[in-house]
PDB file of all heavy atoms in Angstrom:
ATOM      1  N   SER A   1       3.796 -45.142  24.157  1.00  0.00           N
ATOM      2  CA  SER A   1       4.636 -46.304  24.399  1.00  0.00           C
ATOM      3  C   SER A   1       3.863 -47.562  24.002  1.00  0.00           C
ATOM      4  O   SER A   1       2.637 -47.612  24.106  1.00  0.00           O
ATOM      5  CB  SER A   1       5.018 -46.376  25.881  1.00  0.00           C
ATOM      6  OG  SER A   1       5.512 -47.653  26.210  1.00  0.00           O
ATOM      7  N   THR A   2       4.587 -48.577  23.547  1.00  0.00           N
ATOM      8  CA  THR A   2       3.929 -49.838  23.213  1.00  0.00           C
ATOM      9  C   THR A   2       3.581 -50.654  24.450  1.00  0.00           C
ATOM     10  O   THR A   2       2.926 -51.695  24.342  1.00  0.00           O
ATOM     11  CB  THR A   2       4.828 -50.687  22.295  1.00  0.00           C
ATOM     12  OG1 THR A   2       6.093 -50.883  22.938  1.00  0.00           O
ATOM     13  CG2 THR A   2       5.033 -50.004  20.948  1.00  0.00           C
ATOM     14  N   PHE A   3       4.000 -50.170  25.623  1.00  0.00           N
ATOM     15  CA  PHE A   3       3.744 -50.914  26.858  1.00  0.00           C
ATOM     16  C   PHE A   3       2.490 -50.452  27.590  1.00  0.00           C
ATOM     17  O   PHE A   3       1.784 -51.251  28.194  1.00  0.00           O
ATOM     18  CB  PHE A   3       4.952 -50.801  27.801  1.00  0.00           C
ATOM     19  CG  PHE A   3       6.219 -51.329  27.212  1.00  0.00           C
ATOM     20  CD1 PHE A   3       7.221 -50.474  26.786  1.00  0.00           C
ATOM     21  CD2 PHE A   3       6.415 -52.692  27.061  1.00  0.00           C
ATOM     22  CE1 PHE A   3       8.391 -50.956  26.233  1.00  0.00           C
ATOM     23  CE2 PHE A   3       7.586 -53.199  26.517  1.00  0.00           C
ATOM     24  CZ  PHE A   3       8.579 -52.326  26.095  1.00  0.00           C
ATOM     25  N   ALA A   4       2.218 -49.144  27.525  1.00  0.00           N
ATOM     26  CA  ALA A   4       1.058 -48.611  28.251  1.00  0.00           C
ATOM     27  C   ALA A   4       0.802 -47.178  27.787  1.00  0.00           C
ATOM     28  O   ALA A   4       1.732 -46.482  27.370  1.00  0.00           O
ATOM     29  CB  ALA A   4       1.300 -48.631  29.764  1.00  0.00           C
ATOM     30  N   PRO A   5      -0.449 -46.736  27.865  1.00  0.00           N
ATOM     31  CA  PRO A   5      -0.734 -45.343  27.510  1.00  0.00           C
ATOM     32  C   PRO A   5      -0.211 -44.407  28.585  1.00  0.00           C
ATOM     33  O   PRO A   5       0.040 -44.824  29.721  1.00  0.00           O
ATOM     34  CB  PRO A   5      -2.266 -45.318  27.453  1.00  0.00           C
ATOM     35  CG  PRO A   5      -2.699 -46.400  28.388  1.00  0.00           C
ATOM     36  CD  PRO A   5      -1.661 -47.470  28.276  1.00  0.00           C
ATOM     37  N   PRO A   6      -0.017 -43.135  28.271  1.00  0.00           N
ATOM     38  CA  PRO A   6       0.429 -42.176  29.289  1.00  0.00           C
ATOM     39  C   PRO A   6      -0.584 -42.087  30.429  1.00  0.00           C
ATOM     40  O   PRO A   6      -1.793 -42.070  30.188  1.00  0.00           O
ATOM     41  CB  PRO A   6       0.502 -40.855  28.520  1.00  0.00           C
ATOM     42  CG  PRO A   6       0.545 -41.223  27.082  1.00  0.00           C
ATOM     43  CD  PRO A   6      -0.206 -42.501  26.951  1.00  0.00           C
ATOM     44  N   MET A   7      -0.088 -42.020  31.650  1.00  0.00           N
ATOM     45  CA  MET A   7      -0.993 -41.909  32.795  1.00  0.00           C
ATOM     46  C   MET A   7      -1.769 -40.596  32.763  1.00  0.00           C
ATOM     47  O   MET A   7      -2.896 -40.521  33.245  1.00  0.00           O
ATOM     48  CB  MET A   7      -0.197 -42.026  34.102  1.00  0.00           C
ATOM     49  CG  MET A   7       0.441 -43.381  34.326  1.00  0.00           C
ATOM     50  SD  MET A   7       1.315 -43.486  35.905  1.00  0.00           S
ATOM     51  CE  MET A   7      -0.043 -43.244  37.070  1.00  0.00           C
ATOM     52  N   ASN A   8      -1.156 -39.569  32.183  1.00  0.00           N
ATOM     53  CA  ASN A   8      -1.794 -38.253  32.117  1.00  0.00           C
ATOM     54  C   ASN A   8      -2.290 -37.950  30.708  1.00  0.00           C
ATOM     55  O   ASN A   8      -2.212 -36.807  30.237  1.00  0.00           O
ATOM     56  CB  ASN A   8      -0.821 -37.176  32.579  1.00  0.00           C
ATOM     57  CG  ASN A   8       0.451 -37.130  31.730  1.00  0.00           C
ATOM     58  OD1 ASN A   8       0.814 -38.117  31.080  1.00  0.00           O
ATOM     59  ND2 ASN A   8       1.132 -35.992  31.734  1.00  0.00           N
ATOM     60  N   LEU A   9      -2.795 -38.955  30.017  1.00  0.00           N
ATOM     61  CA  LEU A   9      -3.208 -38.793  28.626  1.00  0.00           C
ATOM     62  C   LEU A   9      -4.246 -37.681  28.466  1.00  0.00           C
ATOM     63  O   LEU A   9      -4.160 -36.866  27.547  1.00  0.00           O
ATOM     64  CB  LEU A   9      -3.761 -40.111  28.085  1.00  0.00           C
ATOM     65  CG  LEU A   9      -4.226 -40.089  26.619  1.00  0.00           C
ATOM     66  CD1 LEU A   9      -3.087 -39.688  25.690  1.00  0.00           C
ATOM     67  CD2 LEU A   9      -4.791 -41.456  26.223  1.00  0.00           C
ATOM     68  N   SER A  10      -5.210 -37.629  29.335  1.00  0.00           N
ATOM     69  CA  SER A  10      -6.252 -36.595  29.234  1.00  0.00           C
ATOM     70  C   SER A  10      -5.664 -35.199  29.373  1.00  0.00           C
ATOM     71  O   SER A  10      -6.055 -34.269  28.649  1.00  0.00           O
ATOM     72  CB  SER A  10      -7.324 -36.814  30.308  1.00  0.00           C
ATOM     73  OG  SER A  10      -7.992 -38.036  30.107  1.00  0.00           O
ATOM     74  N   GLU A  11      -4.687 -35.067  30.289  1.00  0.00           N
ATOM     75  CA  GLU A  11      -4.039 -33.771  30.485  1.00  0.00           C
ATOM     76  C   GLU A  11      -3.235 -33.363  29.249  1.00  0.00           C
ATOM     77  O   GLU A  11      -3.268 -32.203  28.832  1.00  0.00           O
ATOM     78  CB  GLU A  11      -3.134 -33.831  31.715  1.00  0.00           C
ATOM     79  CG  GLU A  11      -2.460 -32.509  32.063  1.00  0.00           C
ATOM     80  CD  GLU A  11      -1.574 -32.616  33.288  1.00  0.00           C
ATOM     81  OE1 GLU A  11      -1.540 -33.701  33.914  1.00  0.00           O
ATOM     82  OE2 GLU A  11      -0.903 -31.613  33.604  1.00  0.00           O
ATOM     83  N   ILE A  12      -2.524 -34.327  28.671  1.00  0.00           N
ATOM     84  CA  ILE A  12      -1.743 -34.046  27.464  1.00  0.00           C
ATOM     85  C   ILE A  12      -2.662 -33.641  26.322  1.00  0.00           C
ATOM     86  O   ILE A  12      -2.396 -32.670  25.596  1.00  0.00           O
ATOM     87  CB  ILE A  12      -0.895 -35.275  27.072  1.00  0.00           C
ATOM     88  CG1 ILE A  12       0.197 -35.524  28.108  1.00  0.00           C
ATOM     89  CG2 ILE A  12      -0.268 -35.075  25.688  1.00  0.00           C
ATOM     90  CD1 ILE A  12       0.991 -36.790  27.864  1.00  0.00           C
ATOM     91  N   LEU A  13      -3.754 -34.364  26.151  1.00  0.00           N
ATOM     92  CA  LEU A  13      -4.691 -34.044  25.091  1.00  0.00           C
ATOM     93  C   LEU A  13      -5.270 -32.647  25.281  1.00  0.00           C
ATOM     94  O   LEU A  13      -5.427 -31.886  24.313  1.00  0.00           O
ATOM     95  CB  LEU A  13      -5.816 -35.079  25.040  1.00  0.00           C
ATOM     96  CG  LEU A  13      -6.902 -34.848  23.982  1.00  0.00           C
ATOM     97  CD1 LEU A  13      -6.299 -34.797  22.582  1.00  0.00           C
ATOM     98  CD2 LEU A  13      -7.969 -35.939  24.067  1.00  0.00           C
ATOM     99  N   PHE A  14      -5.545 -32.285  26.517  1.00  0.00           N
ATOM    100  CA  PHE A  14      -6.057 -30.943  26.805  1.00  0.00           C
ATOM    101  C   PHE A  14      -5.049 -29.883  26.365  1.00  0.00           C
ATOM    102  O   PHE A  14      -5.412 -28.892  25.725  1.00  0.00           O
ATOM    103  CB  PHE A  14      -6.354 -30.806  28.300  1.00  0.00           C
ATOM    104  CG  PHE A  14      -6.773 -29.423  28.720  1.00  0.00           C
ATOM    105  CD1 PHE A  14      -8.066 -28.971  28.489  1.00  0.00           C
ATOM    106  CD2 PHE A  14      -5.868 -28.562  29.335  1.00  0.00           C
ATOM    107  CE1 PHE A  14      -8.448 -27.689  28.859  1.00  0.00           C
ATOM    108  CE2 PHE A  14      -6.240 -27.277  29.714  1.00  0.00           C
ATOM    109  CZ  PHE A  14      -7.534 -26.843  29.479  1.00  0.00           C
ATOM    110  N   GLU A  15      -3.769 -30.095  26.687  1.00  0.00           N
ATOM    111  CA  GLU A  15      -2.736 -29.126  26.314  1.00  0.00           C
ATOM    112  C   GLU A  15      -2.566 -29.045  24.796  1.00  0.00           C
ATOM    113  O   GLU A  15      -2.303 -27.966  24.251  1.00  0.00           O
ATOM    114  CB  GLU A  15      -1.409 -29.488  26.979  1.00  0.00           C
ATOM    115  CG  GLU A  15      -1.402 -29.368  28.488  1.00  0.00           C
ATOM    116  CD  GLU A  15      -1.625 -27.931  28.972  1.00  0.00           C
ATOM    117  OE1 GLU A  15      -1.353 -26.990  28.187  1.00  0.00           O
ATOM    118  OE2 GLU A  15      -2.070 -27.765  30.124  1.00  0.00           O
ATOM    119  N   ILE A  16      -2.694 -30.177  24.125  1.00  0.00           N
ATOM    120  CA  ILE A  16      -2.611 -30.178  22.664  1.00  0.00           C
ATOM    121  C   ILE A  16      -3.709 -29.300  22.072  1.00  0.00           C
ATOM    122  O   ILE A  16      -3.467 -28.470  21.184  1.00  0.00           O
ATOM    123  CB  ILE A  16      -2.741 -31.623  22.117  1.00  0.00           C
ATOM    124  CG1 ILE A  16      -1.495 -32.444  22.469  1.00  0.00           C
ATOM    125  CG2 ILE A  16      -2.949 -31.610  20.606  1.00  0.00           C
ATOM    126  CD1 ILE A  16      -1.612 -33.917  22.123  1.00  0.00           C
ATOM    127  N   LYS A  17      -4.909 -29.464  22.583  1.00  0.00           N
ATOM    128  CA  LYS A  17      -6.039 -28.696  22.064  1.00  0.00           C
ATOM    129  C   LYS A  17      -5.909 -27.214  22.395  1.00  0.00           C
ATOM    130  O   LYS A  17      -6.200 -26.347  21.559  1.00  0.00           O
ATOM    131  CB  LYS A  17      -7.348 -29.259  22.617  1.00  0.00           C
ATOM    132  CG  LYS A  17      -7.699 -30.643  22.084  1.00  0.00           C
ATOM    133  CD  LYS A  17      -9.014 -31.135  22.688  1.00  0.00           C
ATOM    134  CE  LYS A  17      -9.433 -32.461  22.109  1.00  0.00           C
ATOM    135  NZ  LYS A  17     -10.701 -32.950  22.698  1.00  0.00           N
ATOM    136  N   VAL A  18      -5.470 -26.916  23.624  1.00  0.00           N
ATOM    137  CA  VAL A  18      -5.291 -25.519  24.020  1.00  0.00           C
ATOM    138  C   VAL A  18      -4.266 -24.834  23.116  1.00  0.00           C
ATOM    139  O   VAL A  18      -4.412 -23.649  22.774  1.00  0.00           O
ATOM    140  CB  VAL A  18      -4.865 -25.418  25.502  1.00  0.00           C
ATOM    141  CG1 VAL A  18      -4.376 -24.014  25.839  1.00  0.00           C
ATOM    142  CG2 VAL A  18      -6.024 -25.801  26.406  1.00  0.00           C
ATOM    143  N   ALA A  19      -3.237 -25.574  22.730  1.00  0.00           N
ATOM    144  CA  ALA A  19      -2.196 -25.019  21.859  1.00  0.00           C
ATOM    145  C   ALA A  19      -2.671 -24.888  20.410  1.00  0.00           C
ATOM    146  O   ALA A  19      -1.952 -24.338  19.576  1.00  0.00           O
ATOM    147  CB  ALA A  19      -0.948 -25.892  21.919  1.00  0.00           C
ATOM    148  N   GLY A  20      -3.854 -25.404  20.116  1.00  0.00           N
ATOM    149  CA  GLY A  20      -4.430 -25.243  18.789  1.00  0.00           C
ATOM    150  C   GLY A  20      -4.104 -26.340  17.802  1.00  0.00           C
ATOM    151  O   GLY A  20      -4.322 -26.173  16.595  1.00  0.00           O
ATOM    152  N   TYR A  21      -3.608 -27.475  18.293  1.00  0.00           N
ATOM    153  CA  TYR A  21      -3.231 -28.571  17.410  1.00  0.00           C
ATOM    154  C   TYR A  21      -4.301 -29.660  17.352  1.00  0.00           C
ATOM    155  O   TYR A  21      -5.092 -29.828  18.288  1.00  0.00           O
ATOM    156  CB  TYR A  21      -1.916 -29.199  17.864  1.00  0.00           C
ATOM    157  CG  TYR A  21      -0.726 -28.271  17.761  1.00  0.00           C
ATOM    158  CD1 TYR A  21      -0.084 -27.810  18.900  1.00  0.00           C
ATOM    159  CD2 TYR A  21      -0.249 -27.850  16.522  1.00  0.00           C
ATOM    160  CE1 TYR A  21       1.005 -26.954  18.816  1.00  0.00           C
ATOM    161  CE2 TYR A  21       0.843 -26.995  16.429  1.00  0.00           C
ATOM    162  CZ  TYR A  21       1.461 -26.557  17.572  1.00  0.00           C
ATOM    163  OH  TYR A  21       2.533 -25.705  17.478  1.00  0.00           O
ATOM    164  N   ILE A  22      -4.298 -30.386  16.254  1.00  0.00           N
ATOM    165  CA  ILE A  22      -5.145 -31.566  16.084  1.00  0.00           C
ATOM    166  C   ILE A  22      -4.240 -32.789  16.129  1.00  0.00           C
ATOM    167  O   ILE A  22      -3.378 -32.949  15.257  1.00  0.00           O
ATOM    168  CB  ILE A  22      -5.904 -31.524  14.751  1.00  0.00           C
ATOM    169  CG1 ILE A  22      -6.811 -30.296  14.684  1.00  0.00           C
ATOM    170  CG2 ILE A  22      -6.721 -32.805  14.560  1.00  0.00           C
ATOM    171  CD1 ILE A  22      -7.463 -30.096  13.331  1.00  0.00           C
ATOM    172  N   PRO A  23      -4.394 -33.677  17.121  1.00  0.00           N
ATOM    173  CA  PRO A  23      -3.487 -34.827  17.237  1.00  0.00           C
ATOM    174  C   PRO A  23      -3.899 -35.988  16.344  1.00  0.00           C
ATOM    175  O   PRO A  23      -5.053 -36.412  16.328  1.00  0.00           O
ATOM    176  CB  PRO A  23      -3.614 -35.207  18.712  1.00  0.00           C
ATOM    177  CG  PRO A  23      -5.020 -34.821  19.069  1.00  0.00           C
ATOM    178  CD  PRO A  23      -5.330 -33.589  18.260  1.00  0.00           C
ATOM    179  N   ILE A  24      -2.930 -36.482  15.596  1.00  0.00           N
ATOM    180  CA  ILE A  24      -3.107 -37.709  14.827  1.00  0.00           C
ATOM    181  C   ILE A  24      -2.319 -38.803  15.535  1.00  0.00           C
ATOM    182  O   ILE A  24      -1.097 -38.708  15.655  1.00  0.00           O
ATOM    183  CB  ILE A  24      -2.595 -37.547  13.385  1.00  0.00           C
ATOM    184  CG1 ILE A  24      -3.329 -36.400  12.680  1.00  0.00           C
ATOM    185  CG2 ILE A  24      -2.760 -38.851  12.608  1.00  0.00           C
ATOM    186  CD1 ILE A  24      -2.766 -36.088  11.300  1.00  0.00           C
ATOM    187  N   LEU A  25      -3.004 -39.820  16.003  1.00  0.00           N
ATOM    188  CA  LEU A  25      -2.340 -40.905  16.725  1.00  0.00           C
ATOM    189  C   LEU A  25      -1.745 -41.891  15.731  1.00  0.00           C
ATOM    190  O   LEU A  25      -2.461 -42.488  14.919  1.00  0.00           O
ATOM    191  CB  LEU A  25      -3.329 -41.619  17.648  1.00  0.00           C
ATOM    192  CG  LEU A  25      -2.743 -42.746  18.508  1.00  0.00           C
ATOM    193  CD1 LEU A  25      -1.675 -42.217  19.463  1.00  0.00           C
ATOM    194  CD2 LEU A  25      -3.845 -43.455  19.286  1.00  0.00           C
ATOM    195  N   ALA A  26      -0.424 -42.036  15.789  1.00  0.00           N
ATOM    196  CA  ALA A  26       0.269 -42.959  14.889  1.00  0.00           C
ATOM    197  C   ALA A  26      -0.062 -44.405  15.247  1.00  0.00           C
ATOM    198  O   ALA A  26      -0.158 -44.767  16.417  1.00  0.00           O
ATOM    199  CB  ALA A  26       1.780 -42.737  14.971  1.00  0.00           C
ATOM    200  N   HIS A  27      -0.255 -45.193  14.213  1.00  0.00           N
ATOM    201  CA  HIS A  27      -0.467 -46.651  14.286  1.00  0.00           C
ATOM    202  C   HIS A  27      -1.250 -47.124  15.516  1.00  0.00           C
ATOM    203  O   HIS A  27      -0.715 -47.892  16.333  1.00  0.00           O
ATOM    204  CB  HIS A  27       0.854 -47.401  14.183  1.00  0.00           C
ATOM    205  CG  HIS A  27       1.991 -46.838  14.974  1.00  0.00           C
ATOM    206  ND1 HIS A  27       2.006 -46.784  16.343  1.00  0.00           N
ATOM    207  CD2 HIS A  27       3.179 -46.313  14.574  1.00  0.00           C
ATOM    208  CE1 HIS A  27       3.143 -46.264  16.757  1.00  0.00           C
ATOM    209  NE2 HIS A  27       3.862 -45.961  15.696  1.00  0.00           N
ATOM    210  N   PRO A  28      -2.491 -46.708  15.705  1.00  0.00           N
ATOM    211  CA  PRO A  28      -3.268 -47.158  16.866  1.00  0.00           C
ATOM    212  C   PRO A  28      -3.442 -48.675  16.909  1.00  0.00           C
ATOM    213  O   PRO A  28      -3.592 -49.255  17.993  1.00  0.00           O
ATOM    214  CB  PRO A  28      -4.621 -46.452  16.685  1.00  0.00           C
ATOM    215  CG  PRO A  28      -4.703 -46.147  15.227  1.00  0.00           C
ATOM    216  CD  PRO A  28      -3.294 -45.854  14.805  1.00  0.00           C
ATOM    217  N   GLU A  29      -3.402 -49.314  15.746  1.00  0.00           N
ATOM    218  CA  GLU A  29      -3.582 -50.764  15.690  1.00  0.00           C
ATOM    219  C   GLU A  29      -2.458 -51.520  16.379  1.00  0.00           C
ATOM    220  O   GLU A  29      -2.609 -52.711  16.707  1.00  0.00           O
ATOM    221  CB  GLU A  29      -3.698 -51.221  14.230  1.00  0.00           C
ATOM    222  CG  GLU A  29      -2.426 -51.160  13.411  1.00  0.00           C
ATOM    223  CD  GLU A  29      -2.086 -49.768  12.866  1.00  0.00           C
ATOM    224  OE1 GLU A  29      -2.847 -48.811  13.136  1.00  0.00           O
ATOM    225  OE2 GLU A  29      -1.054 -49.658  12.168  1.00  0.00           O
TER     226      GLU A  29
END
């Protein structure tokens, strides 16, 4: 969201990695 990062960002990232994916963060700037 452009308003705030996910409160459970670390948990989401963990699930992404467990599922075998590499996350590309769109437009971090």
